[in-house]
Amino acid sequence: MSNAKSGLNDKGRVGTASSYRTTINALNEFKKGLRAQDVTTILLDNYEAYMLKNGKTNTTIGI
């Protein structure tokens, strides 16, 4: 995802790159070293609960 973020910045798609960066940071706070193959429905349910516990709204979680 880091390469995609860099490419988006190069193409002037700063808003999308910023969203990716925010997502990466939030996921790293939840679970360090997370890989794409680690993503399961259980992990996503746990991540949603973590985000809600930390005061995030459903809209923020959905983004």
Protein backbone atom coordinates (compact mmCIF):
# COMPACT_ATOMS: atom_id res chain seq x y z
CA MET A 1 0.00 0.00 0.00
CA SER A 2 2.96 2.29 0.59
CA ASN A 3 3.91 2.14 -3.10
CA ALA A 4 0.35 2.94 -4.12
CA LYS A 5 0.34 5.92 -1.77
CA SER A 6 3.58 7.25 -3.23
CA GLY A 7 2.29 6.84 -6.79
CA LEU A 8 -0.92 8.68 -5.95
CA ASN A 9 1.05 11.61 -4.54
CA ASP A 10 3.10 11.70 -7.75
CA LYS A 11 -0.10 11.84 -9.81
CA GLY A 12 -1.55 14.69 -7.76
CA ARG A 13 -4.11 12.50 -6.00
CA VAL A 14 -3.12 13.83 -2.61
CA GLY A 15 -6.53 13.28 -0.99
CA THR A 16 -6.53 9.57 -1.81
CA ALA A 17 -2.92 9.25 -0.69
CA SER A 18 -3.83 10.96 2.59
CA SER A 19 -6.73 8.53 3.14
CA TYR A 20 -4.39 5.59 2.53
CA ARG A 21 -1.83 7.02 4.94
CA THR A 22 -4.48 7.52 7.63
CA THR A 23 -5.73 3.97 7.14
CA ILE A 24 -2.23 2.50 7.35
CA ASN A 25 -1.54 4.45 10.55
CA ALA A 26 -4.82 3.35 12.17
CA LEU A 27 -4.26 -0.29 11.25
CA ASN A 28 -0.70 -0.17 12.59
CA GLU A 29 -1.99 1.21 15.89
CA PHE A 30 -4.46 -1.68 16.05
CA LYS A 31 -2.04 -4.43 15.03
CA LYS A 32 1.63 -3.94 14.24
CA GLY A 33 2.99 -5.71 11.17
CA LEU A 34 -0.43 -6.45 9.68
CA ARG A 35 -0.24 -8.05 6.23
CA ALA A 36 -2.98 -8.27 3.60
CA GLN A 37 -3.25 -12.03 4.09
CA ASP A 38 -3.94 -11.43 7.81
CA VAL A 39 -7.22 -9.64 7.05
CA THR A 40 -10.21 -11.78 7.94
CA THR A 41 -13.80 -11.04 8.87
CA ILE A 42 -12.88 -11.69 12.52
CA LEU A 43 -10.01 -9.20 12.35
CA LEU A 44 -12.29 -6.61 10.73
CA ASP A 45 -14.95 -7.13 13.42
CA ASN A 46 -12.29 -6.70 16.10
CA TYR A 47 -10.93 -3.60 14.34
CA GLU A 48 -14.43 -2.09 14.19
CA ALA A 49 -14.91 -2.71 17.92
CA TYR A 50 -11.48 -1.17 18.61
CA MET A 51 -12.35 1.93 16.57
CA LEU A 52 -15.74 2.36 18.29
CA LYS A 53 -14.11 1.92 21.71
CA ASN A 54 -11.72 4.72 20.78
CA GLY A 55 -14.53 7.13 19.94
CA LYS A 56 -14.64 6.77 16.15
CA THR A 57 -17.98 7.01 14.39
CA ASN A 58 -19.40 4.47 11.93
CA THR A 59 -18.73 6.96 9.16
CA THR A 60 -15.05 7.22 10.08
CA ILE A 61 -14.77 3.44 10.33
CA GLY A 62 -16.41 3.02 6.93
CA ILE A 63 -13.96 5.33 5.21
